[in-house]
C-alpha cells in the first residue's frame, strides 16, 4: 500500500512525529523553579515527500484551506485523519520522471513538506 494523503499519491522520504507537554516554568525571586503542568500537546506529524504533476500539487495545496481532516495512508496501514496545518513545496529539476508511469515522463516534480495535526488524540 503506498503513501497517500486524501487518496493523492505521495512518495514519502522522511516521516517524523513530535509531541510534548505544556510546562511553564516560574522562577520566584527566592527559592527554586516551580513547574506548572497544564496537559500535553497533540502529536504533530512532519512528512517530506515527492509529488508528481501539477494536478496533485494543486490538490494537495488546497487541503490546507478547507478546515477538514484527511486520511493519511502508509504501507503500515491507516495512520488516521489529519488536518493539513502547513504545506510547502519547491519544484525540483528533472528530465524524466519515473515515479508515476501513469503520467507523462516530462511531468514536473515537487518536493513537499507537510505539517499535519491529528483530528483527535
N, C-alpha and C. Protein backbone atom coordinates (compact mmCIF):
# COMPACT_ATOMS: atom_id res chain seq x y z
N UNK A 1 0.85 -1.17 0.00
CA UNK A 1 0.00 0.00 0.00
C UNK A 1 0.90 1.24 0.00
N UNK A 2 0.69 2.15 -0.91
CA UNK A 2 1.55 3.34 -0.98
C UNK A 2 1.10 4.43 0.00
N UNK A 3 1.95 5.43 0.18
CA UNK A 3 1.60 6.60 0.97
C UNK A 3 0.62 7.44 0.17
N UNK A 4 -0.48 7.84 0.81
CA UNK A 4 -1.43 8.77 0.20
C UNK A 4 -1.96 9.72 1.27
N UNK A 5 -2.30 10.92 0.84
CA UNK A 5 -2.98 11.90 1.69
C UNK A 5 -4.22 12.30 0.93
N UNK A 6 -5.39 11.97 1.50
CA UNK A 6 -6.67 12.18 0.82
C UNK A 6 -6.69 11.49 -0.54
N UNK A 7 -6.14 10.29 -0.59
CA UNK A 7 -6.06 9.45 -1.80
C UNK A 7 -5.16 10.04 -2.89
N UNK A 8 -4.35 11.04 -2.57
CA UNK A 8 -3.40 11.62 -3.50
C UNK A 8 -2.03 10.99 -3.21
N UNK A 9 -1.42 10.43 -4.24
CA UNK A 9 -0.17 9.69 -4.08
C UNK A 9 0.99 10.63 -3.73
N UNK A 10 1.69 10.28 -2.64
CA UNK A 10 2.91 11.00 -2.26
C UNK A 10 4.01 9.95 -2.08
N UNK A 11 5.23 10.32 -2.38
CA UNK A 11 6.38 9.43 -2.26
C UNK A 11 7.21 9.91 -1.07
N UNK A 12 6.90 9.38 0.08
CA UNK A 12 7.46 9.85 1.34
C UNK A 12 8.95 9.52 1.45
N UNK A 13 9.73 10.53 1.81
CA UNK A 13 11.17 10.37 2.03
C UNK A 13 11.49 10.35 3.52
N UNK A 14 10.83 11.22 4.28
CA UNK A 14 11.04 11.29 5.72
C UNK A 14 9.69 11.46 6.40
N UNK A 15 9.60 10.89 7.59
CA UNK A 15 8.36 10.96 8.36
C UNK A 15 8.74 10.99 9.83
N UNK A 16 8.36 12.05 10.53
CA UNK A 16 8.63 12.08 11.96
C UNK A 16 7.42 12.61 12.70
N UNK A 17 7.37 12.27 13.98
CA UNK A 17 6.27 12.68 14.84
C UNK A 17 6.86 13.35 16.07
N UNK A 18 6.20 14.42 16.50
CA UNK A 18 6.68 15.19 17.65
C UNK A 18 5.50 15.47 18.59
N UNK A 19 5.75 15.40 19.86
CA UNK A 19 4.73 15.72 20.86
C UNK A 19 5.41 16.28 22.10
N UNK A 20 4.64 16.85 22.99
CA UNK A 20 5.24 17.42 24.20
C UNK A 20 4.19 17.77 25.23
N UNK A 21 4.66 18.24 26.38
CA UNK A 21 3.79 18.70 27.44
C UNK A 21 3.83 20.23 27.50
N UNK A 22 2.81 20.79 28.10
CA UNK A 22 2.78 22.23 28.32
C UNK A 22 3.22 22.46 29.77
N UNK A 23 4.47 22.93 29.93
CA UNK A 23 5.04 23.09 31.26
C UNK A 23 5.69 24.47 31.36
N UNK A 24 4.95 25.47 31.85
CA UNK A 24 5.59 26.76 32.10
C UNK A 24 6.47 26.68 33.35
N UNK A 25 7.56 27.41 33.32
CA UNK A 25 8.48 27.45 34.46
C UNK A 25 8.36 28.81 35.13
N UNK A 26 8.10 28.78 36.41
CA UNK A 26 8.03 30.00 37.21
C UNK A 26 9.30 30.09 38.05
N UNK A 27 9.94 31.23 38.02
CA UNK A 27 11.17 31.41 38.78
C UNK A 27 10.96 32.50 39.81
N UNK A 28 10.62 32.11 41.05
CA UNK A 28 10.44 33.13 42.11
C UNK A 28 11.77 33.80 42.44
N UNK A 29 11.68 34.96 43.06
CA UNK A 29 12.89 35.72 43.42
C UNK A 29 13.76 34.90 44.37
N UNK A 30 13.14 34.22 45.30
CA UNK A 30 13.91 33.35 46.19
C UNK A 30 13.32 31.95 46.11
N UNK A 31 14.16 30.96 46.08
CA UNK A 31 13.69 29.60 46.00
C UNK A 31 13.94 29.00 44.63
N UNK A 32 13.54 27.77 44.51
CA UNK A 32 13.78 27.04 43.26
C UNK A 32 12.69 27.27 42.22
N UNK A 33 12.93 26.74 41.07
CA UNK A 33 11.99 26.84 39.95
C UNK A 33 10.73 26.03 40.27
N UNK A 34 9.59 26.59 39.92
CA UNK A 34 8.30 25.90 40.09
C UNK A 34 7.78 25.55 38.72
N UNK A 35 7.42 24.29 38.54
CA UNK A 35 6.87 23.83 37.26
C UNK A 35 5.36 23.67 37.38
N UNK A 36 4.63 24.16 36.41
CA UNK A 36 3.18 24.01 36.35
C UNK A 36 2.85 23.12 35.16
N UNK A 37 2.15 22.03 35.38
CA UNK A 37 1.78 21.10 34.31
C UNK A 37 0.36 21.42 33.86
N UNK A 38 0.19 21.75 32.58
CA UNK A 38 -1.11 22.12 32.04
C UNK A 38 -1.58 21.16 30.95
N UNK A 39 -1.10 19.95 30.93
CA UNK A 39 -1.54 19.00 29.92
C UNK A 39 -0.47 18.75 28.87
N UNK A 40 -0.91 18.30 27.72
CA UNK A 40 0.03 17.94 26.68
C UNK A 40 -0.44 18.45 25.33
N UNK A 41 0.49 18.50 24.41
CA UNK A 41 0.19 18.89 23.04
C UNK A 41 -0.06 17.63 22.22
N UNK A 42 -0.97 17.69 21.28
CA UNK A 42 -1.18 16.57 20.38
C UNK A 42 0.06 16.35 19.54
N UNK A 43 0.27 15.11 19.11
CA UNK A 43 1.41 14.81 18.26
C UNK A 43 1.26 15.50 16.92
N UNK A 44 2.36 15.98 16.39
CA UNK A 44 2.39 16.63 15.09
C UNK A 44 3.23 15.75 14.17
N UNK A 45 2.70 15.44 12.99
CA UNK A 45 3.45 14.66 12.00
C UNK A 45 4.06 15.60 10.98
N UNK A 46 5.32 15.36 10.66
CA UNK A 46 6.01 16.09 9.61
C UNK A 46 6.40 15.09 8.54
N UNK A 47 6.01 15.38 7.31
CA UNK A 47 6.29 14.47 6.20
C UNK A 47 6.99 15.25 5.10
N UNK A 48 8.05 14.66 4.58
CA UNK A 48 8.77 15.18 3.43
C UNK A 48 8.55 14.17 2.30
N UNK A 49 7.99 14.63 1.18
CA UNK A 49 7.61 13.68 0.12
C UNK A 49 7.72 14.31 -1.26
N UNK A 50 7.96 13.44 -2.25
CA UNK A 50 7.91 13.85 -3.64
C UNK A 50 6.47 13.75 -4.15
N UNK A 51 6.10 14.68 -5.00
CA UNK A 51 4.78 14.68 -5.65
C UNK A 51 5.03 14.93 -7.13
N UNK A 52 4.32 14.19 -7.97
CA UNK A 52 4.50 14.31 -9.41
C UNK A 52 3.26 14.94 -10.03
N UNK A 53 3.46 15.99 -10.80
CA UNK A 53 2.39 16.61 -11.58
C UNK A 53 1.73 17.79 -10.90
N UNK A 54 1.29 18.72 -11.75
CA UNK A 54 0.64 19.93 -11.27
C UNK A 54 -0.72 19.66 -10.64
N UNK A 55 -1.45 18.68 -11.16
CA UNK A 55 -2.78 18.37 -10.62
C UNK A 55 -2.69 17.94 -9.17
N UNK A 56 -1.78 17.02 -8.87
CA UNK A 56 -1.60 16.57 -7.48
C UNK A 56 -1.06 17.69 -6.61
N UNK A 57 -0.14 18.49 -7.14
CA UNK A 57 0.40 19.64 -6.39
C UNK A 57 -0.73 20.57 -5.96
N UNK A 58 -1.59 20.94 -6.93
CA UNK A 58 -2.69 21.86 -6.63
C UNK A 58 -3.69 21.25 -5.65
N UNK A 59 -3.97 19.96 -5.81
CA UNK A 59 -4.93 19.30 -4.91
C UNK A 59 -4.39 19.24 -3.48
N UNK A 60 -3.10 18.97 -3.33
CA UNK A 60 -2.51 18.91 -2.00
C UNK A 60 -2.45 20.30 -1.36
N UNK A 61 -2.13 21.32 -2.12
CA UNK A 61 -2.10 22.67 -1.58
C UNK A 61 -3.50 23.13 -1.15
N UNK A 62 -4.52 22.66 -1.84
CA UNK A 62 -5.90 23.04 -1.50
C UNK A 62 -6.35 22.45 -0.16
N UNK A 63 -5.73 21.35 0.29
CA UNK A 63 -6.14 20.70 1.54
C UNK A 63 -5.94 21.58 2.76
N UNK A 64 -5.04 22.57 2.68
CA UNK A 64 -4.76 23.43 3.83
C UNK A 64 -5.78 24.53 4.00
N UNK A 65 -6.75 24.63 3.09
CA UNK A 65 -7.73 25.73 3.12
C UNK A 65 -9.12 25.30 3.56
N UNK A 66 -9.34 24.03 3.81
CA UNK A 66 -10.71 23.53 3.96
C UNK A 66 -11.20 23.39 5.40
N UNK A 67 -10.30 23.26 6.37
CA UNK A 67 -10.72 23.01 7.75
C UNK A 67 -11.23 21.60 7.94
N UNK A 68 -10.88 20.70 7.03
CA UNK A 68 -11.32 19.31 7.08
C UNK A 68 -10.11 18.41 7.31
N UNK A 69 -10.30 17.32 8.05
CA UNK A 69 -9.24 16.34 8.27
C UNK A 69 -9.27 15.32 7.14
N UNK A 70 -8.08 14.87 6.74
CA UNK A 70 -7.95 13.95 5.62
C UNK A 70 -7.19 12.69 6.04
N UNK A 71 -7.53 11.59 5.41
CA UNK A 71 -6.94 10.30 5.73
C UNK A 71 -5.51 10.21 5.22
N UNK A 72 -4.61 9.76 6.10
CA UNK A 72 -3.22 9.52 5.75
C UNK A 72 -2.98 8.01 5.76
N UNK A 73 -2.64 7.48 4.60
CA UNK A 73 -2.37 6.05 4.46
C UNK A 73 -0.88 5.84 4.23
N UNK A 74 -0.38 4.71 4.71
CA UNK A 74 1.03 4.37 4.54
C UNK A 74 1.14 2.86 4.33
N UNK A 75 2.33 2.36 4.05
CA UNK A 75 2.50 0.90 3.96
C UNK A 75 2.14 0.19 5.26
N UNK A 76 2.13 0.93 6.39
CA UNK A 76 1.75 0.34 7.68
C UNK A 76 0.24 0.35 7.88
N UNK A 77 -0.50 0.93 6.96
CA UNK A 77 -1.95 1.00 7.08
C UNK A 77 -2.43 2.43 7.28
N UNK A 78 -3.65 2.55 7.79
CA UNK A 78 -4.27 3.85 8.02
C UNK A 78 -3.65 4.50 9.26
N UNK A 79 -3.04 5.66 9.08
CA UNK A 79 -2.41 6.36 10.21
C UNK A 79 -3.37 7.32 10.88
N UNK A 80 -4.57 7.49 10.35
CA UNK A 80 -5.57 8.36 10.95
C UNK A 80 -5.92 9.52 10.04
N UNK A 81 -6.77 10.40 10.57
CA UNK A 81 -7.20 11.59 9.84
C UNK A 81 -6.46 12.79 10.40
N UNK A 82 -5.99 13.65 9.49
CA UNK A 82 -5.15 14.78 9.88
C UNK A 82 -5.58 16.05 9.16
N UNK A 83 -5.43 17.16 9.88
CA UNK A 83 -5.59 18.48 9.28
C UNK A 83 -4.24 18.89 8.69
N UNK A 84 -4.25 19.49 7.52
CA UNK A 84 -3.02 19.98 6.92
C UNK A 84 -2.78 21.38 7.47
N UNK A 85 -1.92 21.47 8.45
CA UNK A 85 -1.59 22.75 9.07
C UNK A 85 -0.76 23.61 8.13
N UNK A 86 0.20 22.95 7.49
CA UNK A 86 1.08 23.68 6.58
C UNK A 86 1.53 22.75 5.46
N UNK A 87 1.59 23.28 4.25
CA UNK A 87 2.13 22.55 3.10
C UNK A 87 3.04 23.52 2.36
N UNK A 88 4.24 23.05 2.10
CA UNK A 88 5.24 23.88 1.42
C UNK A 88 5.89 23.01 0.35
N UNK A 89 6.13 23.58 -0.83
CA UNK A 89 6.77 22.78 -1.88
C UNK A 89 7.77 23.62 -2.65
N UNK A 90 8.66 22.90 -3.32
CA UNK A 90 9.55 23.52 -4.28
C UNK A 90 9.67 22.57 -5.46
N UNK A 91 9.75 23.13 -6.65
CA UNK A 91 9.90 22.30 -7.84
C UNK A 91 11.35 21.86 -7.91
N UNK A 92 11.55 20.59 -8.23
CA UNK A 92 12.91 20.07 -8.36
C UNK A 92 13.20 19.81 -9.83
N UNK A 93 14.42 20.03 -10.24
CA UNK A 93 14.76 19.82 -11.65
C UNK A 93 14.71 18.34 -12.00
N UNK A 94 14.09 18.03 -13.10
CA UNK A 94 14.05 16.64 -13.57
C UNK A 94 13.95 16.63 -15.09
N UNK A 95 14.54 15.63 -15.68
CA UNK A 95 14.47 15.45 -17.13
C UNK A 95 13.41 14.42 -17.47
N UNK A 96 13.38 13.37 -16.68
CA UNK A 96 12.45 12.26 -16.97
C UNK A 96 12.00 11.66 -15.65
N UNK A 97 10.74 11.84 -15.28
CA UNK A 97 10.24 11.26 -14.03
C UNK A 97 9.83 9.81 -14.27
N UNK A 98 10.15 8.95 -13.32
CA UNK A 98 9.79 7.53 -13.44
C UNK A 98 8.97 7.06 -12.24
N UNK A 99 8.62 7.96 -11.34
CA UNK A 99 7.84 7.56 -10.16
C UNK A 99 6.40 7.23 -10.52
N UNK A 100 5.84 7.96 -11.46
CA UNK A 100 4.43 7.77 -11.85
C UNK A 100 4.36 7.42 -13.33
N UNK A 101 4.37 6.13 -13.67
CA UNK A 101 4.30 5.74 -15.08
C UNK A 101 2.97 6.10 -15.74
N UNK A 102 1.94 6.41 -14.94
CA UNK A 102 0.64 6.81 -15.50
C UNK A 102 0.64 8.26 -15.97
N UNK A 103 1.70 9.02 -15.66
CA UNK A 103 1.82 10.42 -16.07
C UNK A 103 2.93 10.56 -17.12
N UNK A 104 2.87 11.61 -17.92
CA UNK A 104 3.94 11.81 -18.92
C UNK A 104 5.32 11.89 -18.26
N UNK A 105 6.34 11.45 -19.00
CA UNK A 105 7.70 11.44 -18.48
C UNK A 105 8.22 12.84 -18.15
N UNK A 106 7.69 13.86 -18.83
CA UNK A 106 8.17 15.21 -18.58
C UNK A 106 7.32 15.97 -17.55
N UNK A 107 6.51 15.25 -16.77
CA UNK A 107 5.70 15.88 -15.72
C UNK A 107 6.62 16.51 -14.68
N UNK A 108 6.24 17.69 -14.18
CA UNK A 108 7.08 18.33 -13.16
C UNK A 108 7.03 17.55 -11.85
N UNK A 109 8.12 17.66 -11.09
CA UNK A 109 8.21 17.00 -9.79
C UNK A 109 8.41 18.06 -8.71
N UNK A 110 7.82 17.80 -7.55
CA UNK A 110 7.87 18.74 -6.44
C UNK A 110 8.30 18.01 -5.19
N UNK A 111 9.03 18.72 -4.34
CA UNK A 111 9.39 18.21 -3.03
C UNK A 111 8.55 18.98 -2.00
N UNK A 112 7.68 18.25 -1.30
CA UNK A 112 6.74 18.84 -0.34
C UNK A 112 7.21 18.61 1.09
N UNK A 113 6.87 19.57 1.94
CA UNK A 113 6.96 19.41 3.39
C UNK A 113 5.56 19.67 3.95
N UNK A 114 5.04 18.68 4.68
CA UNK A 114 3.70 18.80 5.29
C UNK A 114 3.85 18.83 6.80
N UNK A 115 3.03 19.63 7.45
CA UNK A 115 2.87 19.59 8.90
C UNK A 115 1.41 19.23 9.14
N UNK A 116 1.18 18.09 9.80
CA UNK A 116 -0.16 17.55 9.96
C UNK A 116 -0.54 17.46 11.43
N UNK A 117 -1.76 17.93 11.73
CA UNK A 117 -2.30 17.83 13.09
C UNK A 117 -3.35 16.73 13.11
N UNK A 118 -3.36 15.88 14.14
CA UNK A 118 -4.36 14.81 14.20
C UNK A 118 -5.75 15.37 14.46
N UNK A 119 -6.74 14.70 13.88
CA UNK A 119 -8.13 15.10 14.11
C UNK A 119 -8.52 14.93 15.56
N UNK A 120 -8.09 13.83 16.15
CA UNK A 120 -8.37 13.56 17.57
C UNK A 120 -7.18 12.84 18.19
N UNK A 121 -7.09 12.93 19.48
CA UNK A 121 -5.97 12.28 20.19
C UNK A 121 -6.39 10.97 20.77
